[in-house]
N, C-alpha and C. Protein backbone atom coordinates (compact mmCIF):
# COMPACT_ATOMS: atom_id res chain seq x y z
N MET A 1 -12.92 -2.65 -12.92
CA MET A 1 -13.66 -3.89 -12.84
C MET A 1 -14.16 -4.13 -11.42
N LEU A 2 -13.30 -3.92 -10.44
CA LEU A 2 -13.70 -4.11 -9.05
C LEU A 2 -14.81 -3.15 -8.66
N ARG A 3 -14.71 -1.90 -9.14
CA ARG A 3 -15.73 -0.90 -8.82
C ARG A 3 -17.09 -1.35 -9.35
N THR A 4 -17.14 -1.95 -10.53
CA THR A 4 -18.40 -2.43 -11.10
C THR A 4 -18.99 -3.52 -10.23
N HIS A 5 -18.17 -4.42 -9.72
CA HIS A 5 -18.67 -5.48 -8.85
C HIS A 5 -19.22 -4.92 -7.54
N VAL A 6 -18.55 -3.92 -6.98
CA VAL A 6 -19.02 -3.31 -5.75
C VAL A 6 -20.36 -2.62 -5.99
N VAL A 7 -20.45 -1.91 -7.10
CA VAL A 7 -21.70 -1.21 -7.42
C VAL A 7 -22.83 -2.20 -7.64
N MET A 8 -22.57 -3.26 -8.36
CA MET A 8 -23.60 -4.27 -8.62
C MET A 8 -24.04 -4.95 -7.32
N THR A 9 -23.11 -5.23 -6.44
CA THR A 9 -23.46 -5.83 -5.15
C THR A 9 -24.35 -4.89 -4.35
N SER A 10 -24.02 -3.60 -4.35
CA SER A 10 -24.84 -2.61 -3.65
C SER A 10 -26.24 -2.56 -4.23
N LEU A 11 -26.34 -2.61 -5.55
CA LEU A 11 -27.64 -2.58 -6.21
C LEU A 11 -28.48 -3.79 -5.82
N VAL A 12 -27.89 -4.96 -5.82
CA VAL A 12 -28.62 -6.18 -5.46
C VAL A 12 -29.09 -6.11 -4.01
N LEU A 13 -28.24 -5.63 -3.12
CA LEU A 13 -28.62 -5.53 -1.71
C LEU A 13 -29.78 -4.56 -1.52
N MET A 14 -29.74 -3.43 -2.21
CA MET A 14 -30.82 -2.45 -2.05
C MET A 14 -32.13 -2.97 -2.62
N LEU A 15 -32.06 -3.63 -3.76
CA LEU A 15 -33.29 -4.15 -4.36
C LEU A 15 -33.84 -5.31 -3.56
N GLY A 16 -32.99 -6.01 -2.84
CA GLY A 16 -33.44 -7.15 -2.07
C GLY A 16 -33.90 -6.81 -0.67
N CYS A 17 -33.88 -5.55 -0.31
CA CYS A 17 -34.28 -5.16 1.05
C CYS A 17 -35.76 -5.36 1.31
N GLY A 18 -36.58 -5.35 0.29
CA GLY A 18 -38.01 -5.53 0.47
C GLY A 18 -38.70 -4.25 0.86
N ALA A 19 -40.01 -4.30 0.88
CA ALA A 19 -40.79 -3.12 1.21
C ALA A 19 -40.78 -2.91 2.72
N ALA A 20 -40.58 -1.69 3.11
CA ALA A 20 -40.59 -1.34 4.53
C ALA A 20 -41.70 -0.35 4.78
N ARG A 21 -42.22 -0.34 5.96
CA ARG A 21 -43.24 0.65 6.31
C ARG A 21 -42.53 1.98 6.53
N ALA A 22 -43.04 2.98 5.86
CA ALA A 22 -42.40 4.29 5.95
C ALA A 22 -43.44 5.35 6.26
N ASN A 23 -42.96 6.50 6.64
CA ASN A 23 -43.83 7.64 6.87
C ASN A 23 -43.29 8.80 6.05
N ASP A 24 -43.87 9.96 6.21
CA ASP A 24 -43.45 11.10 5.42
C ASP A 24 -42.42 11.96 6.14
N SER A 25 -41.62 11.36 7.00
CA SER A 25 -40.62 12.10 7.75
C SER A 25 -39.41 12.39 6.86
N PHE A 26 -38.55 13.26 7.35
CA PHE A 26 -37.32 13.59 6.64
C PHE A 26 -36.47 12.34 6.42
N GLY A 27 -36.36 11.50 7.44
CA GLY A 27 -35.56 10.28 7.34
C GLY A 27 -36.06 9.35 6.26
N SER A 28 -37.37 9.21 6.17
CA SER A 28 -37.96 8.35 5.15
C SER A 28 -37.68 8.88 3.75
N GLU A 29 -37.90 10.18 3.57
CA GLU A 29 -37.68 10.77 2.24
C GLU A 29 -36.20 10.78 1.89
N PHE A 30 -35.35 11.00 2.89
CA PHE A 30 -33.91 10.97 2.64
C PHE A 30 -33.46 9.57 2.22
N SER A 31 -34.06 8.53 2.80
CA SER A 31 -33.70 7.17 2.40
C SER A 31 -34.11 6.91 0.96
N HIS A 32 -35.24 7.46 0.52
CA HIS A 32 -35.64 7.32 -0.88
C HIS A 32 -34.67 8.09 -1.79
N PHE A 33 -34.22 9.26 -1.33
CA PHE A 33 -33.25 10.04 -2.08
C PHE A 33 -31.95 9.27 -2.26
N VAL A 34 -31.44 8.70 -1.18
CA VAL A 34 -30.18 7.95 -1.21
C VAL A 34 -30.33 6.69 -2.07
N THR A 35 -31.45 6.00 -1.94
CA THR A 35 -31.67 4.80 -2.75
C THR A 35 -31.73 5.16 -4.22
N GLY A 36 -32.43 6.24 -4.56
CA GLY A 36 -32.48 6.68 -5.96
C GLY A 36 -31.10 7.01 -6.49
N ALA A 37 -30.29 7.69 -5.69
CA ALA A 37 -28.93 8.03 -6.10
C ALA A 37 -28.08 6.78 -6.28
N ALA A 38 -28.21 5.83 -5.38
CA ALA A 38 -27.40 4.61 -5.45
C ALA A 38 -27.77 3.75 -6.66
N ILE A 39 -29.06 3.61 -6.93
CA ILE A 39 -29.50 2.81 -8.08
C ILE A 39 -29.06 3.49 -9.37
N ALA A 40 -29.22 4.81 -9.45
CA ALA A 40 -28.80 5.53 -10.65
C ALA A 40 -27.30 5.43 -10.86
N SER A 41 -26.55 5.52 -9.77
CA SER A 41 -25.10 5.39 -9.86
C SER A 41 -24.69 4.00 -10.34
N ALA A 42 -25.32 2.98 -9.80
CA ALA A 42 -25.01 1.61 -10.21
C ALA A 42 -25.37 1.38 -11.67
N ALA A 43 -26.54 1.84 -12.09
CA ALA A 43 -26.96 1.64 -13.48
C ALA A 43 -26.07 2.44 -14.43
N THR A 44 -25.61 3.61 -14.02
CA THR A 44 -24.69 4.39 -14.84
C THR A 44 -23.36 3.66 -15.00
N ALA A 45 -22.88 3.06 -13.92
CA ALA A 45 -21.63 2.29 -13.99
C ALA A 45 -21.77 1.07 -14.88
N VAL A 46 -22.92 0.40 -14.82
CA VAL A 46 -23.16 -0.77 -15.68
C VAL A 46 -23.20 -0.32 -17.15
N ALA A 47 -23.89 0.78 -17.43
CA ALA A 47 -23.96 1.30 -18.80
C ALA A 47 -22.56 1.67 -19.30
N SER A 48 -21.74 2.21 -18.42
CA SER A 48 -20.37 2.54 -18.79
C SER A 48 -19.56 1.28 -19.08
N HIS A 49 -19.76 0.25 -18.26
CA HIS A 49 -19.05 -1.01 -18.46
C HIS A 49 -19.34 -1.59 -19.85
N TYR A 50 -20.58 -1.48 -20.30
CA TYR A 50 -20.96 -1.98 -21.61
C TYR A 50 -20.80 -0.94 -22.71
N GLU A 51 -20.15 0.19 -22.38
CA GLU A 51 -19.81 1.26 -23.31
C GLU A 51 -21.03 1.78 -24.07
N LEU A 52 -22.13 1.99 -23.34
CA LEU A 52 -23.34 2.54 -23.93
C LEU A 52 -23.26 4.06 -23.91
N GLU A 53 -23.78 4.69 -24.96
CA GLU A 53 -23.83 6.15 -24.99
C GLU A 53 -24.88 6.64 -24.01
N ASP A 54 -24.75 7.87 -23.58
CA ASP A 54 -25.70 8.50 -22.66
C ASP A 54 -25.88 7.68 -21.39
N ARG A 55 -24.77 7.23 -20.84
CA ARG A 55 -24.82 6.37 -19.66
C ARG A 55 -25.47 7.05 -18.46
N GLY A 56 -25.31 8.36 -18.33
CA GLY A 56 -25.95 9.08 -17.24
C GLY A 56 -27.47 9.03 -17.34
N TRP A 57 -27.98 9.21 -18.56
CA TRP A 57 -29.43 9.13 -18.77
C TRP A 57 -29.95 7.72 -18.52
N ILE A 58 -29.17 6.73 -18.91
CA ILE A 58 -29.57 5.34 -18.67
C ILE A 58 -29.69 5.10 -17.17
N GLY A 59 -28.71 5.56 -16.40
CA GLY A 59 -28.77 5.41 -14.95
C GLY A 59 -29.95 6.13 -14.34
N PHE A 60 -30.18 7.36 -14.80
CA PHE A 60 -31.30 8.14 -14.28
C PHE A 60 -32.62 7.45 -14.55
N TRP A 61 -32.88 7.08 -15.79
CA TRP A 61 -34.18 6.49 -16.13
C TRP A 61 -34.37 5.11 -15.54
N THR A 62 -33.29 4.37 -15.32
CA THR A 62 -33.41 3.07 -14.65
C THR A 62 -33.92 3.26 -13.22
N SER A 63 -33.31 4.19 -12.50
CA SER A 63 -33.73 4.45 -11.12
C SER A 63 -35.15 4.99 -11.06
N VAL A 64 -35.47 5.93 -11.93
CA VAL A 64 -36.82 6.50 -11.95
C VAL A 64 -37.85 5.44 -12.32
N GLY A 65 -37.52 4.58 -13.27
CA GLY A 65 -38.45 3.51 -13.66
C GLY A 65 -38.72 2.53 -12.54
N ILE A 66 -37.69 2.14 -11.83
CA ILE A 66 -37.86 1.22 -10.70
C ILE A 66 -38.73 1.87 -9.63
N SER A 67 -38.47 3.14 -9.33
CA SER A 67 -39.26 3.85 -8.33
C SER A 67 -40.72 3.98 -8.77
N PHE A 68 -40.94 4.29 -10.03
CA PHE A 68 -42.31 4.45 -10.53
C PHE A 68 -43.10 3.15 -10.40
N VAL A 69 -42.48 2.05 -10.81
CA VAL A 69 -43.17 0.75 -10.72
C VAL A 69 -43.48 0.41 -9.26
N GLU A 70 -42.54 0.64 -8.37
CA GLU A 70 -42.75 0.35 -6.95
C GLU A 70 -43.87 1.20 -6.36
N GLU A 71 -43.84 2.49 -6.63
CA GLU A 71 -44.86 3.38 -6.06
C GLU A 71 -46.23 3.15 -6.70
N ALA A 72 -46.27 2.83 -8.00
CA ALA A 72 -47.54 2.54 -8.65
C ALA A 72 -48.17 1.28 -8.07
N ALA A 73 -47.34 0.29 -7.75
CA ALA A 73 -47.85 -0.94 -7.14
C ALA A 73 -48.42 -0.66 -5.74
N GLN A 74 -47.75 0.22 -4.99
CA GLN A 74 -48.25 0.56 -3.65
C GLN A 74 -49.58 1.30 -3.73
N VAL A 75 -49.70 2.23 -4.68
CA VAL A 75 -50.95 2.98 -4.83
C VAL A 75 -52.06 2.04 -5.28
N ALA A 76 -51.74 1.11 -6.18
CA ALA A 76 -52.74 0.17 -6.67
C ALA A 76 -53.24 -0.75 -5.56
N SER A 77 -52.35 -1.15 -4.67
CA SER A 77 -52.76 -2.06 -3.60
C SER A 77 -53.41 -1.35 -2.41
N ASN A 78 -53.02 -0.10 -2.15
CA ASN A 78 -53.54 0.62 -0.98
C ASN A 78 -54.58 1.68 -1.33
N GLY A 79 -54.80 1.94 -2.58
CA GLY A 79 -55.79 2.92 -2.98
C GLY A 79 -55.25 4.34 -2.91
N SER A 80 -56.15 5.29 -3.06
CA SER A 80 -55.76 6.70 -3.15
C SER A 80 -55.22 7.25 -1.83
N SER A 81 -55.41 6.55 -0.73
CA SER A 81 -54.87 7.02 0.54
C SER A 81 -53.34 7.02 0.53
N GLN A 82 -52.75 6.25 -0.33
CA GLN A 82 -51.29 6.13 -0.43
C GLN A 82 -50.71 7.13 -1.44
N LEU A 83 -51.54 7.84 -2.17
CA LEU A 83 -51.08 8.68 -3.28
C LEU A 83 -50.12 9.78 -2.84
N ARG A 84 -50.43 10.52 -1.78
CA ARG A 84 -49.57 11.61 -1.35
C ARG A 84 -48.19 11.09 -0.91
N GLY A 85 -48.19 10.04 -0.11
CA GLY A 85 -46.92 9.47 0.35
C GLY A 85 -46.10 8.92 -0.79
N SER A 86 -46.75 8.27 -1.73
CA SER A 86 -46.04 7.72 -2.88
C SER A 86 -45.48 8.82 -3.77
N ALA A 87 -46.22 9.93 -3.90
CA ALA A 87 -45.71 11.05 -4.68
C ALA A 87 -44.47 11.65 -4.03
N LEU A 88 -44.47 11.76 -2.70
CA LEU A 88 -43.28 12.25 -2.00
C LEU A 88 -42.10 11.30 -2.17
N ASP A 89 -42.37 10.01 -2.04
CA ASP A 89 -41.31 9.01 -2.20
C ASP A 89 -40.74 9.05 -3.62
N PHE A 90 -41.63 9.14 -4.61
CA PHE A 90 -41.18 9.17 -6.00
C PHE A 90 -40.38 10.44 -6.28
N GLY A 91 -40.84 11.57 -5.77
CA GLY A 91 -40.10 12.82 -5.96
C GLY A 91 -38.73 12.79 -5.33
N SER A 92 -38.65 12.24 -4.14
CA SER A 92 -37.34 12.12 -3.47
C SER A 92 -36.41 11.22 -4.25
N ASN A 93 -36.94 10.11 -4.74
CA ASN A 93 -36.14 9.19 -5.54
C ASN A 93 -35.68 9.86 -6.83
N LEU A 94 -36.56 10.62 -7.45
CA LEU A 94 -36.24 11.30 -8.70
C LEU A 94 -35.07 12.27 -8.51
N LEU A 95 -35.11 13.05 -7.44
CA LEU A 95 -34.01 13.98 -7.16
C LEU A 95 -32.71 13.23 -6.88
N GLY A 96 -32.80 12.15 -6.12
CA GLY A 96 -31.61 11.34 -5.85
C GLY A 96 -31.06 10.71 -7.11
N ALA A 97 -31.95 10.25 -7.99
CA ALA A 97 -31.51 9.64 -9.25
C ALA A 97 -30.77 10.65 -10.11
N ALA A 98 -31.28 11.87 -10.15
CA ALA A 98 -30.62 12.90 -10.95
C ALA A 98 -29.22 13.18 -10.43
N LEU A 99 -29.10 13.33 -9.12
CA LEU A 99 -27.79 13.61 -8.53
C LEU A 99 -26.84 12.42 -8.69
N GLY A 100 -27.33 11.22 -8.41
CA GLY A 100 -26.48 10.03 -8.50
C GLY A 100 -25.96 9.77 -9.90
N ALA A 101 -26.83 9.90 -10.89
CA ALA A 101 -26.41 9.67 -12.28
C ALA A 101 -25.42 10.74 -12.74
N TRP A 102 -25.70 12.00 -12.37
CA TRP A 102 -24.83 13.09 -12.80
C TRP A 102 -23.44 13.00 -12.18
N VAL A 103 -23.38 12.77 -10.87
CA VAL A 103 -22.08 12.68 -10.20
C VAL A 103 -21.28 11.49 -10.71
N THR A 104 -21.94 10.35 -10.87
CA THR A 104 -21.24 9.17 -11.35
C THR A 104 -20.73 9.36 -12.77
N ASP A 105 -21.58 9.91 -13.63
CA ASP A 105 -21.20 10.11 -15.03
C ASP A 105 -20.08 11.13 -15.18
N ARG A 106 -20.15 12.22 -14.43
CA ARG A 106 -19.19 13.31 -14.61
C ARG A 106 -17.90 13.14 -13.81
N TYR A 107 -17.97 12.55 -12.62
CA TYR A 107 -16.82 12.58 -11.73
C TYR A 107 -16.26 11.23 -11.32
N LEU A 108 -17.02 10.17 -11.41
CA LEU A 108 -16.52 8.88 -10.92
C LEU A 108 -16.04 7.95 -12.03
N LEU A 109 -16.53 8.13 -13.24
CA LEU A 109 -16.19 7.23 -14.34
C LEU A 109 -15.24 7.91 -15.33
N GLN A 110 -14.51 7.10 -16.07
CA GLN A 110 -13.63 7.61 -17.12
C GLN A 110 -14.46 8.29 -18.20
N PRO A 111 -13.94 9.31 -18.82
CA PRO A 111 -14.68 9.96 -19.91
C PRO A 111 -14.93 9.01 -21.08
N MET A 112 -15.97 9.30 -21.82
CA MET A 112 -16.33 8.50 -22.99
C MET A 112 -16.34 9.41 -24.22
N VAL A 113 -16.57 8.80 -25.37
CA VAL A 113 -16.75 9.57 -26.59
C VAL A 113 -18.09 10.30 -26.48
N THR A 114 -18.06 11.60 -26.75
CA THR A 114 -19.28 12.39 -26.72
C THR A 114 -19.45 13.10 -28.05
N ARG A 115 -20.70 13.39 -28.38
CA ARG A 115 -21.00 14.11 -29.62
C ARG A 115 -21.70 15.42 -29.26
N ASP A 116 -21.32 16.50 -29.94
CA ASP A 116 -21.99 17.77 -29.70
C ASP A 116 -23.15 17.93 -30.68
N ALA A 117 -23.83 19.07 -30.61
CA ALA A 117 -25.02 19.30 -31.42
C ALA A 117 -24.73 19.29 -32.92
N THR A 118 -23.51 19.62 -33.31
CA THR A 118 -23.17 19.64 -34.74
C THR A 118 -22.71 18.29 -35.25
N GLY A 119 -22.61 17.29 -34.38
CA GLY A 119 -22.22 15.95 -34.79
C GLY A 119 -20.74 15.65 -34.64
N HIS A 120 -19.96 16.60 -34.13
CA HIS A 120 -18.54 16.37 -33.93
C HIS A 120 -18.33 15.52 -32.67
N SER A 121 -17.38 14.61 -32.74
CA SER A 121 -17.10 13.72 -31.62
C SER A 121 -15.83 14.16 -30.90
N SER A 122 -15.80 13.89 -29.61
CA SER A 122 -14.59 14.13 -28.82
C SER A 122 -14.47 13.01 -27.80
N VAL A 123 -13.25 12.79 -27.34
CA VAL A 123 -13.00 11.73 -26.39
C VAL A 123 -12.07 12.23 -25.29
N GLY A 124 -12.31 11.76 -24.08
CA GLY A 124 -11.42 12.08 -22.98
C GLY A 124 -10.30 11.04 -22.91
N VAL A 125 -9.15 11.45 -22.44
CA VAL A 125 -7.99 10.55 -22.37
C VAL A 125 -7.50 10.50 -20.93
N ALA A 126 -7.21 9.31 -20.45
CA ALA A 126 -6.61 9.15 -19.13
C ALA A 126 -5.16 8.74 -19.32
N LEU A 127 -4.27 9.47 -18.68
CA LEU A 127 -2.84 9.20 -18.79
C LEU A 127 -2.35 8.75 -17.42
N ARG A 128 -1.61 7.65 -17.40
CA ARG A 128 -1.12 7.13 -16.14
C ARG A 128 0.37 6.86 -16.25
N MET A 129 1.15 7.42 -15.33
CA MET A 129 2.59 7.22 -15.35
C MET A 129 3.07 6.86 -13.95
N LYS A 130 4.00 5.92 -13.86
CA LYS A 130 4.62 5.58 -12.59
C LYS A 130 5.96 6.31 -12.48
N PHE A 131 6.23 6.83 -11.31
CA PHE A 131 7.49 7.53 -11.09
C PHE A 131 8.38 6.70 -10.20
């Protein structure tokens, strides 16, 4: 429960940062990568909290969708001169979203019920014992 609150707080802070002037430097693209990973991680944790299936995909597409809307708005307001920079920003965010959603889904959250291609279900179990 506490982890969900921390993740949600991080998400709100990142979304509230506002638009910043950026360039095509490594630092700028890395910040888009990290933001994409953080948003995907937060959305994956929220999907897990509400016990939604395919929580990793939900986190990934949430981050990609937010990035797409942001970059499309920048291209619309600045014209085609912004297209190359926005494509780099979107690509960096996309890679970060993929990594953030995958790591959060596979390694940070408790396992969920999963279904294989034949329709069989399996569930992960967490065992906790005090000594």
